[in-house]
Amino acid sequence: MFNKSTRFFFIAHWRDRSIIGNYSQDQDNFQIAEANITQFLTAINQAYLPAKLKWEEISFIHENVANN
């Protein structure tokens, strides 16, 4: 787990892949769009330089909003 700037990210190894996520409290504006995913990849790559993630490496995208 690591924190870069104000976003919290996590990376967990699972079945020869990595699950990468973050936590957001901005539930009203939560959405998955291409621009959001590109920003997410950029943020992960800046926070964890060895990741070097690319779009073609994404095999699944999941969204979930937890109620506080």
Protein backbone atom coordinates (compact mmCIF):
# COMPACT_ATOMS: atom_id res chain seq x y z
CA MET A 1 0.00 0.00 0.00
CA PHE A 2 1.19 3.50 -0.65
CA ASN A 3 -0.11 7.02 -0.66
CA LYS A 4 0.90 9.55 -3.30
CA SER A 5 -0.51 13.04 -3.09
CA THR A 6 -4.04 12.81 -1.68
CA ARG A 7 -5.11 9.52 -3.27
CA PHE A 8 -4.80 6.18 -1.53
CA PHE A 9 -3.86 3.24 -3.77
CA PHE A 10 -3.43 -0.45 -3.13
CA ILE A 11 -1.89 -3.28 -5.14
CA ALA A 12 -2.63 -6.90 -4.24
CA HIS A 13 -1.26 -9.97 -6.01
CA TRP A 14 -4.04 -12.40 -7.05
CA ARG A 15 -3.88 -15.43 -9.36
CA ASP A 16 -0.77 -14.33 -11.26
CA ARG A 17 -2.20 -10.84 -11.70
CA SER A 18 -2.44 -7.67 -9.67
CA ILE A 19 -5.56 -6.01 -8.34
CA ILE A 20 -5.05 -2.27 -8.23
CA GLY A 21 -7.52 0.06 -6.65
CA ASN A 22 -8.12 3.20 -4.73
CA TYR A 23 -10.60 4.61 -2.29
CA SER A 24 -12.66 7.68 -3.08
CA GLN A 25 -15.20 9.47 -0.96
CA ASP A 26 -16.52 11.43 -3.94
CA GLN A 27 -19.57 9.19 -4.38
CA ASP A 28 -21.69 11.78 -6.17
CA ASN A 29 -19.22 12.08 -9.07
CA PHE A 30 -18.08 8.45 -9.19
CA GLN A 31 -17.97 7.00 -12.70
CA ILE A 32 -15.79 4.87 -14.91
CA ALA A 33 -14.90 6.54 -18.18
CA GLU A 34 -11.92 6.23 -20.49
CA ALA A 35 -10.47 9.53 -19.25
CA ASN A 36 -10.80 8.40 -15.61
CA ILE A 37 -8.98 5.14 -16.33
CA THR A 38 -6.21 6.98 -18.16
CA GLN A 39 -5.82 9.32 -15.17
CA PHE A 40 -5.80 6.32 -12.83
CA LEU A 41 -3.05 4.58 -14.86
CA THR A 42 -1.00 7.77 -14.90
CA ALA A 43 -1.40 8.22 -11.14
CA ILE A 44 -0.41 4.58 -10.44
CA ASN A 45 2.63 4.85 -12.71
CA GLN A 46 3.72 8.09 -11.02
CA ALA A 47 3.22 6.70 -7.53
CA TYR A 48 4.87 3.34 -8.26
CA LEU A 49 7.42 3.73 -11.05
CA PRO A 50 8.16 -0.01 -11.57
CA ALA A 51 4.50 -0.61 -12.50
CA LYS A 52 4.73 0.91 -16.00
CA LEU A 53 1.09 -0.04 -16.60
CA LYS A 54 -0.48 0.19 -20.03
CA TRP A 55 -4.07 0.02 -21.28
CA GLU A 56 -3.50 -3.30 -22.99
CA GLU A 57 -2.58 -4.88 -19.65
CA ILE A 58 -6.02 -4.22 -18.17
CA SER A 59 -8.17 -7.34 -18.17
CA PHE A 60 -11.06 -6.24 -15.98
CA ILE A 61 -12.49 -3.01 -14.54
CA HIS A 62 -14.80 -2.97 -11.56
CA GLU A 63 -16.48 -0.08 -9.83
CA ASN A 64 -17.93 -0.09 -6.36
CA VAL A 65 -19.05 2.72 -4.12
CA ALA A 66 -19.15 2.02 -0.42
CA ASN A 67 -21.61 3.94 1.69
CA ASN A 68 -20.01 5.66 4.65
